[in-house]
Amino acid sequence: MTHSDQLLLVDGRHRHFFVNPAGVECDFYTFSSCPGAVAIGEAMEAHTWFLGYGWRMAFCNRCGQHMGWYYEAVSALKRPVAFWGILVAHLKTVENAAQGE
């Protein structure tokens, strides 16, 4: 889980759309924090969508569902140092959450 006050501009945008090497469309927002997710595995730079960042898969820390990615700067000089890319399909508005969606 995260909140809109944690939205983070990356490359001048909050929302990003990319197609991965397997042809899967990935529509996601970038956040500075996402306490409801956990990053798994070693950071990889291959196929990164953000130059200067390695990525790891991000999963829900309750149910284990894939939520997006965690990006870590390769250089200590890069800002932000890290951020989360959470898929739009896995975000809930406060209204939807109250309705149990």
C-alpha atoms as a PDB file:
ATOM      1  CA  MET A   1       0.000   0.000   0.000  1.00  0.00           C
ATOM      2  CA  THR A   2       1.076   3.560  -0.696  1.00  0.00           C
ATOM      3  CA  HIS A   3      -0.592   6.926  -0.893  1.00  0.00           C
ATOM      4  CA  SER A   4      -0.836   9.710  -3.476  1.00  0.00           C
ATOM      5  CA  ASP A   5       1.263  12.016  -1.289  1.00  0.00           C
ATOM      6  CA  GLN A   6       4.166   9.633  -2.042  1.00  0.00           C
ATOM      7  CA  LEU A   7       3.960  10.174  -5.832  1.00  0.00           C
ATOM      8  CA  LEU A   8       7.394  10.982  -7.223  1.00  0.00           C
ATOM      9  CA  LEU A   9       8.344  12.693 -10.470  1.00  0.00           C
ATOM     10  CA  VAL A  10      10.762  10.509 -12.426  1.00  0.00           C
ATOM     11  CA  ASP A  11      11.880  11.763 -15.826  1.00  0.00           C
ATOM     12  CA  GLY A  12       9.345  14.580 -15.403  1.00  0.00           C
ATOM     13  CA  ARG A  13       6.281  12.358 -14.905  1.00  0.00           C
ATOM     14  CA  HIS A  14       4.408  10.446 -12.219  1.00  0.00           C
ATOM     15  CA  ARG A  15       2.785   7.999 -14.650  1.00  0.00           C
ATOM     16  CA  HIS A  16       4.796   5.865 -17.067  1.00  0.00           C
ATOM     17  CA  PHE A  17       3.908   3.446 -19.860  1.00  0.00           C
ATOM     18  CA  PHE A  18       6.360   0.948 -21.307  1.00  0.00           C
ATOM     19  CA  VAL A  19       6.250  -2.378 -23.126  1.00  0.00           C
ATOM     20  CA  ASN A  20       8.575  -5.045 -21.716  1.00  0.00           C
ATOM     21  CA  PRO A  21      10.706  -7.361 -23.909  1.00  0.00           C
ATOM     22  CA  ALA A  22       7.934 -10.002 -23.803  1.00  0.00           C
ATOM     23  CA  GLY A  23       5.451  -7.497 -25.279  1.00  0.00           C
ATOM     24  CA  VAL A  24       3.527  -6.935 -22.029  1.00  0.00           C
ATOM     25  CA  GLU A  25       2.229  -3.375 -21.570  1.00  0.00           C
ATOM     26  CA  CYS A  26       3.206  -1.860 -18.213  1.00  0.00           C
ATOM     27  CA  ASP A  27       1.302   1.214 -17.008  1.00  0.00           C
ATOM     28  CA  PHE A  28       2.503   2.425 -13.609  1.00  0.00           C
ATOM     29  CA  TYR A  29       3.013   5.329 -11.230  1.00  0.00           C
ATOM     30  CA  THR A  30       6.263   6.131  -9.446  1.00  0.00           C
ATOM     31  CA  PHE A  31       6.292   6.559  -5.664  1.00  0.00           C
ATOM     32  CA  SER A  32       8.972   7.506  -3.161  1.00  0.00           C
ATOM     33  CA  SER A  33       7.617   4.978  -0.669  1.00  0.00           C
ATOM     34  CA  CYS A  34       5.443   1.877  -0.782  1.00  0.00           C
ATOM     35  CA  PRO A  35       5.277   0.208   2.653  1.00  0.00           C
ATOM     36  CA  GLY A  36       2.815  -2.394   1.331  1.00  0.00           C
ATOM     37  CA  ALA A  37       5.380  -3.871  -1.066  1.00  0.00           C
ATOM     38  CA  VAL A  38       8.611  -5.782  -0.746  1.00  0.00           C
ATOM     39  CA  ALA A  39      11.414  -5.925  -3.344  1.00  0.00           C
ATOM     40  CA  ILE A  40      12.763  -9.400  -4.143  1.00  0.00           C
ATOM     41  CA  GLY A  41      15.966 -10.519  -5.837  1.00  0.00           C
ATOM     42  CA  GLU A  42      19.130  -8.810  -6.969  1.00  0.00           C
ATOM     43  CA  ALA A  43      18.854  -5.473  -8.781  1.00  0.00           C
ATOM     44  CA  MET A  44      19.331  -5.819 -12.547  1.00  0.00           C
ATOM     45  CA  GLU A  45      20.222  -3.113 -15.045  1.00  0.00           C
ATOM     46  CA  ALA A  46      19.223  -5.188 -18.098  1.00  0.00           C
ATOM     47  CA  HIS A  47      16.069  -3.855 -19.794  1.00  0.00           C
ATOM     48  CA  THR A  48      15.711  -1.004 -17.292  1.00  0.00           C
ATOM     49  CA  TRP A  49      13.279   1.721 -18.280  1.00  0.00           C
ATOM     50  CA  PHE A  50      15.217   4.317 -16.278  1.00  0.00           C
ATOM     51  CA  LEU A  51      18.829   4.949 -17.263  1.00  0.00           C
ATOM     52  CA  GLY A  52      21.123   4.729 -14.248  1.00  0.00           C
ATOM     53  CA  TYR A  53      18.779   2.482 -12.246  1.00  0.00           C
ATOM     54  CA  GLY A  54      18.687  -1.230 -11.570  1.00  0.00           C
ATOM     55  CA  TRP A  55      15.335  -2.855 -10.834  1.00  0.00           C
ATOM     56  CA  ARG A  56      13.900  -5.626  -8.719  1.00  0.00           C
ATOM     57  CA  MET A  57      10.431  -7.139  -8.756  1.00  0.00           C
ATOM     58  CA  ALA A  58       8.019  -5.728  -6.171  1.00  0.00           C
ATOM     59  CA  PHE A  59       5.376  -7.897  -4.532  1.00  0.00           C
ATOM     60  CA  CYS A  60       2.542  -7.256  -2.086  1.00  0.00           C
ATOM     61  CA  ASN A  61       3.862  -8.032   1.376  1.00  0.00           C
ATOM     62  CA  ARG A  62       0.488  -9.551   2.367  1.00  0.00           C
ATOM     63  CA  CYS A  63      -0.597 -11.723  -0.567  1.00  0.00           C
ATOM     64  CA  GLY A  64       2.595 -11.995  -2.652  1.00  0.00           C
ATOM     65  CA  GLN A  65       1.037 -10.645  -5.879  1.00  0.00           C
ATOM     66  CA  HIS A  66       3.363  -8.857  -8.322  1.00  0.00           C
ATOM     67  CA  MET A  67       2.801  -5.107  -7.816  1.00  0.00           C
ATOM     68  CA  GLY A  68       5.539  -3.588  -9.971  1.00  0.00           C
ATOM     69  CA  TRP A  69       9.224  -2.809  -9.482  1.00  0.00           C
ATOM     70  CA  TYR A  70      11.675  -1.221  -7.090  1.00  0.00           C
ATOM     71  CA  TYR A  71      14.353   0.914  -8.741  1.00  0.00           C
ATOM     72  CA  GLU A  72      17.750   1.601  -7.188  1.00  0.00           C
ATOM     73  CA  ALA A  73      20.324   4.100  -8.432  1.00  0.00           C
ATOM     74  CA  VAL A  74      23.492   2.512  -9.788  1.00  0.00           C
ATOM     75  CA  SER A  75      25.540   5.573  -8.785  1.00  0.00           C
ATOM     76  CA  ALA A  76      25.520   7.197  -5.339  1.00  0.00           C
ATOM     77  CA  LEU A  77      25.210  10.546  -7.134  1.00  0.00           C
ATOM     78  CA  LYS A  78      21.919   9.685  -8.876  1.00  0.00           C
ATOM     79  CA  ARG A  79      18.701  11.217  -7.514  1.00  0.00           C
ATOM     80  CA  PRO A  80      16.345   9.918  -6.424  1.00  0.00           C
ATOM     81  CA  VAL A  81      18.384   7.137  -4.820  1.00  0.00           C
ATOM     82  CA  ALA A  82      15.446   4.715  -5.097  1.00  0.00           C
ATOM     83  CA  PHE A  83      11.754   4.630  -6.007  1.00  0.00           C
ATOM     84  CA  TRP A  84       8.847   2.252  -6.589  1.00  0.00           C
ATOM     85  CA  GLY A  85       6.970   1.698  -9.860  1.00  0.00           C
ATOM     86  CA  ILE A  86       3.514   0.380  -8.934  1.00  0.00           C
ATOM     87  CA  LEU A  87       1.210  -0.896 -11.681  1.00  0.00           C
ATOM     88  CA  VAL A  88      -1.981   1.132 -12.155  1.00  0.00           C
ATOM     89  CA  ALA A  89      -4.036  -2.076 -12.169  1.00  0.00           C
ATOM     90  CA  HIS A  90      -2.956  -2.723  -8.562  1.00  0.00           C
ATOM     91  CA  LEU A  91      -3.735   0.717  -7.179  1.00  0.00           C
ATOM     92  CA  LYS A  92      -6.952   1.371  -5.325  1.00  0.00           C
ATOM     93  CA  THR A  93      -8.546   4.703  -4.635  1.00  0.00           C
ATOM     94  CA  VAL A  94      -9.799   5.371  -1.121  1.00  0.00           C
ATOM     95  CA  GLU A  95     -13.346   5.133  -2.487  1.00  0.00           C
ATOM     96  CA  ASN A  96     -12.711   1.698  -4.068  1.00  0.00           C
ATOM     97  CA  ALA A  97     -11.025   0.417  -0.922  1.00  0.00           C
ATOM     98  CA  ALA A  98     -14.014   1.495   1.176  1.00  0.00           C
ATOM     99  CA  GLN A  99     -16.271  -0.494  -1.146  1.00  0.00           C
ATOM    100  CA  GLY A 100     -14.066  -3.584  -0.812  1.00  0.00           C
ATOM    101  CA  GLU A 101     -12.849  -3.559  -4.425  1.00  0.00           C
END
